[in-house]
Amino acid sequence: MNLQQLNSLPEKTLACELKKCCGSQRWVTAMLAGRPYLTEDSLYKLSGTVWSELGKQDYLEAFSQHPQIGNLETLKEKFANTAGWASDEQQGANQASTEVLQALHHGNQVYLQKFGYIFIVCATGKSATQMLELLKRRLKNETQTELAIAAAEQNKITQLRLEKLF
């Protein structure tokens, strides 16, 4: 798809495509209102601007649209519309040892209990071991610090997924 094709999509179709990039409905609505996109760069910039203006509930809504790192069953069942992208993004987890996957699973559960949402990391290019180390470090964060980090990671994921639309 190119920019002209993206701009000419019916609103409902474009909304579905954008929701694959970011699960926040307010983000999707704002992105739809920003059409037509003059350049790919202006689309990416608008995305970042909109994301920065959203709040905690929007972030949590977006986070809820991701499978847990390394949870391949959830990836296949709940997130079929983004499973291909998420599987590529989590490629490092797909190749991990059983021990690392078990540690990721346990760490994800501890993270979820502590913060109330799943561990969000832009997994592209990271091994499972690297993601596990990030998870362990981020578990030490205070709630507000971690929310800001998770939101920044979500923004990276969104940007990568917007690029995949083209």
Protein backbone atom coordinates (compact mmCIF):
# COMPACT_ATOMS: atom_id res chain seq x y z
CA MET A 1 0.00 0.00 0.00
CA ASN A 2 1.20 3.53 -0.66
CA LEU A 3 0.22 6.84 0.95
CA GLN A 4 -2.41 7.66 -1.66
CA GLN A 5 -4.06 4.29 -1.17
CA LEU A 6 -3.97 4.70 2.60
CA ASN A 7 -5.60 8.14 2.33
CA SER A 8 -8.33 6.77 0.08
CA LEU A 9 -9.34 3.86 2.32
CA PRO A 10 -12.88 4.04 3.67
CA GLU A 11 -12.85 5.33 7.24
CA LYS A 12 -13.89 2.01 8.76
CA THR A 13 -11.18 0.12 6.86
CA LEU A 14 -8.52 2.65 7.80
CA ALA A 15 -9.65 2.52 11.43
CA CYS A 16 -9.09 -1.26 11.40
CA GLU A 17 -5.63 -0.82 9.88
CA LEU A 18 -4.69 1.85 12.42
CA LYS A 19 -6.00 -0.26 15.31
CA LYS A 20 -3.48 -2.94 14.30
CA CYS A 21 -0.79 -0.33 14.88
CA CYS A 22 -2.11 0.97 18.21
CA GLY A 23 -5.03 -0.31 20.25
CA SER A 24 -6.03 3.03 21.75
CA GLN A 25 -9.39 4.13 20.33
CA ARG A 26 -8.63 7.81 21.04
CA TRP A 27 -5.37 7.46 19.09
CA VAL A 28 -7.22 5.84 16.17
CA THR A 29 -9.90 8.57 16.19
CA ALA A 30 -7.30 11.35 16.22
CA MET A 31 -5.33 9.70 13.44
CA LEU A 32 -8.47 9.42 11.31
CA ALA A 33 -9.16 13.13 11.89
CA GLY A 34 -5.64 13.94 10.66
CA ARG A 35 -6.32 12.66 7.18
CA PRO A 36 -5.24 13.23 4.46
CA TYR A 37 -1.62 12.50 5.33
CA LEU A 38 0.64 14.57 3.09
CA THR A 39 3.74 12.41 3.53
CA GLU A 40 4.68 9.25 5.37
CA ASP A 41 6.82 11.40 7.68
CA SER A 42 3.83 13.61 8.52
CA LEU A 43 1.84 10.48 9.36
CA TYR A 44 4.59 9.29 11.73
CA LYS A 45 4.91 12.73 13.29
CA LEU A 46 1.15 12.99 13.82
CA SER A 47 1.17 9.58 15.45
CA GLY A 48 3.84 10.63 17.95
CA THR A 49 2.10 13.92 18.67
CA VAL A 50 -1.26 12.26 19.25
CA TRP A 51 0.33 9.60 21.47
CA SER A 52 2.05 12.23 23.61
CA GLU A 53 -1.28 13.96 24.24
CA LEU A 54 -3.03 10.81 25.51
CA GLY A 55 -3.24 9.64 29.10
CA LYS A 56 -2.99 6.59 31.29
CA GLN A 57 -6.30 4.99 30.28
CA ASP A 58 -5.40 5.32 26.61
CA TYR A 59 -2.01 3.73 27.27
CA LEU A 60 -3.60 0.87 29.18
CA GLU A 61 -6.10 0.31 26.37
CA ALA A 62 -3.25 0.10 23.86
CA PHE A 63 -1.21 -2.21 26.11
CA SER A 64 -4.18 -4.57 26.42
CA GLN A 65 -4.01 -5.23 22.70
CA HIS A 66 -0.62 -6.97 22.95
CA PRO A 67 0.21 -10.56 23.78
CA GLN A 68 2.66 -11.12 26.60
CA ILE A 69 6.24 -11.51 25.42
CA GLY A 70 6.81 -15.18 24.71
CA ASN A 71 3.17 -16.22 25.14
CA LEU A 72 2.63 -17.90 21.77
CA GLU A 73 -0.80 -19.32 22.62
CA THR A 74 -2.21 -15.89 23.42
CA LEU A 75 -0.58 -14.56 20.30
CA LYS A 76 -2.40 -17.09 18.12
CA GLU A 77 -5.79 -17.01 19.85
CA LYS A 78 -6.50 -13.48 21.04
CA PHE A 79 -4.43 -11.41 18.64
CA ALA A 80 -5.01 -13.05 15.26
CA ASN A 81 -5.28 -9.69 13.47
CA THR A 82 -1.73 -8.70 14.48
CA ALA A 83 -0.26 -12.16 15.07
CA GLY A 84 2.04 -11.98 12.05
CA TRP A 85 3.48 -8.64 13.07
CA ALA A 86 3.76 -9.56 16.76
CA SER A 87 5.35 -12.89 15.90
CA ASP A 88 7.99 -11.10 13.80
CA GLU A 89 8.49 -8.53 16.55
CA GLN A 90 8.89 -11.27 19.15
CA GLN A 91 11.15 -13.42 17.00
CA GLY A 92 13.78 -13.41 19.76
CA ALA A 93 11.29 -15.04 22.12
CA ASN A 94 10.34 -17.62 19.50
CA GLN A 95 13.92 -18.92 19.51
CA ALA A 96 14.44 -18.90 23.28
CA SER A 97 15.26 -21.81 25.52
CA THR A 98 12.59 -23.29 27.74
CA GLU A 99 14.32 -21.84 30.81
CA VAL A 100 14.30 -18.31 29.40
CA LEU A 101 10.66 -18.62 28.31
CA GLN A 102 9.70 -19.85 31.77
CA ALA A 103 11.58 -16.94 33.35
CA LEU A 104 9.82 -14.52 30.97
CA HIS A 105 6.47 -16.06 31.85
CA HIS A 106 7.16 -15.76 35.58
CA GLY A 107 8.50 -12.21 35.20
CA ASN A 108 5.43 -11.24 33.18
CA GLN A 109 3.19 -12.47 35.99
CA VAL A 110 5.15 -10.52 38.62
CA TYR A 111 5.08 -7.42 36.39
CA LEU A 112 1.33 -7.73 35.82
CA GLN A 113 0.71 -8.03 39.57
CA LYS A 114 2.92 -5.05 40.36
CA PHE A 115 1.82 -2.64 37.62
CA GLY A 116 -1.60 -3.94 36.54
CA TYR A 117 -0.73 -4.33 32.84
CA ILE A 118 1.52 -6.56 30.78
CA PHE A 119 5.20 -5.86 30.19
CA ILE A 120 5.45 -3.74 27.05
CA VAL A 121 8.72 -3.64 25.18
CA CYS A 122 9.58 -2.97 21.57
CA ALA A 123 10.88 -6.48 21.01
CA THR A 124 12.12 -6.00 17.46
CA GLY A 125 15.77 -6.96 17.27
CA LYS A 126 15.96 -8.13 20.88
CA SER A 127 16.72 -11.64 22.02
CA ALA A 128 14.60 -13.30 24.68
CA THR A 129 17.51 -12.98 27.09
CA GLN A 130 17.73 -9.23 26.44
CA MET A 131 13.98 -8.86 26.98
CA LEU A 132 14.22 -10.85 30.20
CA GLU A 133 16.99 -8.56 31.47
CA LEU A 134 14.92 -5.48 30.60
CA LEU A 135 11.94 -6.99 32.39
CA LYS A 136 13.99 -7.65 35.52
CA ARG A 137 15.37 -4.09 35.52
CA ARG A 138 12.00 -2.49 34.90
CA LEU A 139 10.39 -4.42 37.74
CA LYS A 140 12.45 -2.19 40.05
CA ASN A 141 10.80 0.98 38.72
CA GLU A 142 8.24 3.10 40.49
CA THR A 143 4.74 3.03 39.00
CA GLN A 144 4.86 6.41 37.22
CA THR A 145 8.35 5.82 35.85
CA GLU A 146 7.34 2.45 34.48
CA LEU A 147 4.16 3.78 32.88
CA ALA A 148 6.22 6.41 31.05
CA ILE A 149 8.71 3.77 29.86
CA ALA A 150 5.93 1.41 28.74
CA ALA A 151 4.20 4.27 26.90
CA ALA A 152 7.45 5.13 25.10
CA GLU A 153 7.88 1.47 24.13
CA GLN A 154 4.29 1.39 22.82
CA ASN A 155 5.03 4.48 20.73
CA LYS A 156 8.05 2.69 19.18
CA ILE A 157 5.87 -0.33 18.38
CA THR A 158 3.22 1.90 16.84
CA GLN A 159 5.78 3.65 14.64
CA LEU A 160 7.18 0.32 13.41
CA ARG A 161 3.70 -0.97 12.66
CA LEU A 162 2.76 2.20 10.78
CA GLU A 163 5.81 1.61 8.59
CA LYS A 164 4.58 -1.94 7.95
CA LEU A 165 1.38 -0.52 6.44
CA PHE A 166 3.42 0.58 3.45
